[in-house]
C-alpha atoms as a PDB file:
ATOM      1  CA  MET A   1     -67.025-101.133 -92.894  1.00  0.00           C
ATOM      2  CA  GLU A   2     -64.199-100.314 -95.239  1.00  0.00           C
ATOM      3  CA  ILE A   3     -63.345 -96.726 -96.126  1.00  0.00           C
ATOM      4  CA  ILE A   4     -61.551 -96.231 -99.424  1.00  0.00           C
ATOM      5  CA  ASN A   5     -60.408 -93.156-101.308  1.00  0.00           C
ATOM      6  CA  GLU A   6     -61.624 -93.033-104.895  1.00  0.00           C
ATOM      7  CA  ASN A   7     -60.716 -90.056-107.083  1.00  0.00           C
ATOM      8  CA  GLY A   8     -60.088 -87.893-104.020  1.00  0.00           C
ATOM      9  CA  LYS A   9     -63.422 -88.766-102.394  1.00  0.00           C
ATOM     10  CA  SER A  10     -63.911 -91.033 -99.397  1.00  0.00           C
ATOM     11  CA  LYS A  11     -66.298 -93.900 -99.952  1.00  0.00           C
ATOM     12  CA  THR A  12     -67.609 -96.321 -97.319  1.00  0.00           C
ATOM     13  CA  ILE A  13     -68.253 -99.905 -98.327  1.00  0.00           C
ATOM     14  CA  PRO A  14     -70.116-102.177 -95.898  1.00  0.00           C
ATOM     15  CA  ASN A  15     -68.534-105.580 -95.344  1.00  0.00           C
ATOM     16  CA  ASP A  16     -68.585-108.370 -92.776  1.00  0.00           C
ATOM     17  CA  PHE A  17     -64.872-109.155 -92.973  1.00  0.00           C
ATOM     18  CA  VAL A  18     -61.743-108.655 -95.055  1.00  0.00           C
ATOM     19  CA  LEU A  19     -59.572-111.501 -96.307  1.00  0.00           C
ATOM     20  CA  ALA A  20     -55.866-110.754 -96.360  1.00  0.00           C
ATOM     21  CA  LEU A  21     -54.801-113.134 -99.122  1.00  0.00           C
ATOM     22  CA  THR A  22     -51.073-113.455 -98.713  1.00  0.00           C
ATOM     23  CA  GLY A  23     -48.913-116.164-100.154  1.00  0.00           C
ATOM     24  CA  TYR A  24     -49.147-117.664-103.583  1.00  0.00           C
ATOM     25  CA  LYS A  25     -48.133-120.844-105.348  1.00  0.00           C
ATOM     26  CA  PRO A  26     -48.538-120.988-109.130  1.00  0.00           C
ATOM     27  CA  ASN A  27     -50.757-123.683-110.602  1.00  0.00           C
ATOM     28  CA  PHE A  28     -48.040-125.417-112.624  1.00  0.00           C
ATOM     29  CA  GLU A  29     -50.298-128.309-113.595  1.00  0.00           C
ATOM     30  CA  PHE A  30     -52.668-125.887-115.293  1.00  0.00           C
ATOM     31  CA  LEU A  31     -49.797-124.228-117.183  1.00  0.00           C
ATOM     32  CA  LYS A  32     -48.509-127.646-118.272  1.00  0.00           C
ATOM     33  CA  MET A  33     -51.998-128.662-119.364  1.00  0.00           C
ATOM     34  CA  LEU A  34     -52.000-125.605-121.636  1.00  0.00           C
ATOM     35  CA  GLY A  35     -48.667-126.772-123.064  1.00  0.00           C
ATOM     36  CA  ILE A  36     -46.454-124.121-121.490  1.00  0.00           C
ATOM     37  CA  HIS A  37     -42.946-125.405-120.834  1.00  0.00           C
ATOM     38  CA  ILE A  38     -41.848-125.185-117.195  1.00  0.00           C
ATOM     39  CA  SER A  39     -38.197-125.419-116.108  1.00  0.00           C
ATOM     40  CA  ASP A  40     -37.280-128.612-114.264  1.00  0.00           C
ATOM     41  CA  ASP A  41     -35.286-126.862-111.537  1.00  0.00           C
ATOM     42  CA  GLU A  42     -36.557-125.545-108.209  1.00  0.00           C
ATOM     43  CA  LYS A  43     -37.467-122.187-109.768  1.00  0.00           C
ATOM     44  CA  ARG A  44     -40.099-123.804-112.044  1.00  0.00           C
ATOM     45  CA  LEU A  45     -39.982-120.884-114.467  1.00  0.00           C
ATOM     46  CA  PRO A  46     -42.553-120.880-117.260  1.00  0.00           C
ATOM     47  CA  GLU A  47     -41.192-120.327-120.763  1.00  0.00           C
ATOM     48  CA  TYR A  48     -42.063-116.943-122.239  1.00  0.00           C
ATOM     49  CA  ASN A  49     -40.444-114.245-124.340  1.00  0.00           C
ATOM     50  CA  PRO A  50     -39.451-111.419-121.947  1.00  0.00           C
ATOM     51  CA  GLU A  51     -39.927-108.845-124.730  1.00  0.00           C
ATOM     52  CA  THR A  52     -43.498-109.864-125.639  1.00  0.00           C
ATOM     53  CA  MET A  53     -44.632-112.044-122.698  1.00  0.00           C
ATOM     54  CA  GLU A  54     -45.765-114.687-125.235  1.00  0.00           C
ATOM     55  CA  THR A  55     -45.227-118.265-124.075  1.00  0.00           C
ATOM     56  CA  ASN A  56     -43.959-121.148-126.181  1.00  0.00           C
ATOM     57  CA  ILE A  57     -47.607-121.463-127.270  1.00  0.00           C
ATOM     58  CA  SER A  58     -48.414-118.948-130.006  1.00  0.00           C
ATOM     59  CA  ASN A  59     -50.848-116.227-128.840  1.00  0.00           C
ATOM     60  CA  LEU A  60     -50.760-117.391-125.203  1.00  0.00           C
ATOM     61  CA  TYR A  61     -49.282-114.762-122.890  1.00  0.00           C
ATOM     62  CA  LEU A  62     -48.309-114.546-119.235  1.00  0.00           C
ATOM     63  CA  ALA A  63     -48.316-111.484-116.997  1.00  0.00           C
ATOM     64  CA  GLY A  64     -47.590-110.721-113.382  1.00  0.00           C
ATOM     65  CA  VAL A  65     -46.310-112.949-110.621  1.00  0.00           C
ATOM     66  CA  ILE A  66     -46.776-116.194-112.581  1.00  0.00           C
ATOM     67  CA  CYS A  67     -43.778-115.180-114.732  1.00  0.00           C
ATOM     68  CA  GLY A  68     -41.476-115.778-111.756  1.00  0.00           C
ATOM     69  CA  GLY A  69     -42.460-119.408-111.225  1.00  0.00           C
ATOM     70  CA  MET A  70     -41.614-120.249-107.608  1.00  0.00           C
ATOM     71  CA  GLU A  71     -39.710-116.972-107.284  1.00  0.00           C
ATOM     72  CA  THR A  72     -42.966-115.239-106.374  1.00  0.00           C
ATOM     73  CA  HIS A  73     -41.088-112.352-104.761  1.00  0.00           C
ATOM     74  CA  LYS A  74     -39.830-111.026-108.120  1.00  0.00           C
ATOM     75  CA  TRP A  75     -43.043-109.681-109.638  1.00  0.00           C
ATOM     76  CA  PHE A  76     -45.540-107.348-108.006  1.00  0.00           C
ATOM     77  CA  ILE A  77     -48.254-104.997-109.247  1.00  0.00           C
ATOM     78  CA  GLU A  78     -45.699-102.191-109.148  1.00  0.00           C
ATOM     79  CA  ASN A  79     -43.143-103.805-111.454  1.00  0.00           C
ATOM     80  CA  SER A  80     -45.336-106.003-113.657  1.00  0.00           C
ATOM     81  CA  ARG A  81     -47.770-103.355-114.881  1.00  0.00           C
ATOM     82  CA  ILE A  82     -45.635-103.078-118.011  1.00  0.00           C
ATOM     83  CA  HIS A  83     -46.611-106.641-119.004  1.00  0.00           C
ATOM     84  CA  ALA A  84     -50.012-105.538-120.291  1.00  0.00           C
ATOM     85  CA  LYS A  85     -48.468-102.926-122.604  1.00  0.00           C
ATOM     86  CA  MET A  86     -45.985-105.471-123.910  1.00  0.00           C
ATOM     87  CA  ILE A  87     -48.716-108.015-124.613  1.00  0.00           C
ATOM     88  CA  ILE A  88     -51.024-105.536-126.345  1.00  0.00           C
ATOM     89  CA  ALA A  89     -48.146-104.162-128.427  1.00  0.00           C
ATOM     90  CA  ASN A  90     -47.297-107.690-129.552  1.00  0.00           C
ATOM     91  CA  ILE A  91     -50.895-108.533-130.383  1.00  0.00           C
ATOM     92  CA  LEU A  92     -51.242-105.346-132.406  1.00  0.00           C
ATOM     93  CA  GLY A  93     -47.914-106.000-134.129  1.00  0.00           C
ATOM     94  CA  ASN A  94     -46.243-102.955-132.646  1.00  0.00           C
ATOM     95  CA  LYS A  95     -42.836-102.821-131.063  1.00  0.00           C
ATOM     96  CA  HIS A  96     -42.907-102.312-127.297  1.00  0.00           C
ATOM     97  CA  THR A  97     -41.953 -98.785-126.243  1.00  0.00           C
END
């Protein structure tokens, strides 16, 4: 059983096991298949505009850990939450605030 806190209330969720999914390697072949440019160095950084998160492909955006290529330690939930706001602002034609 897993006990979680949701909106100040404890909730029990039955489960048989929990998977701790640690470690991550971006699927660069998939990004290339989409046409996203990837740097040739060991960092393998995907090309995107850091102000809008739009890739070199119009209307195709990246968010989260994938933006760091092989530097998977740079982006986390805590510091990449802003990506969604940036993407939506760009889609709506607004300047990111």
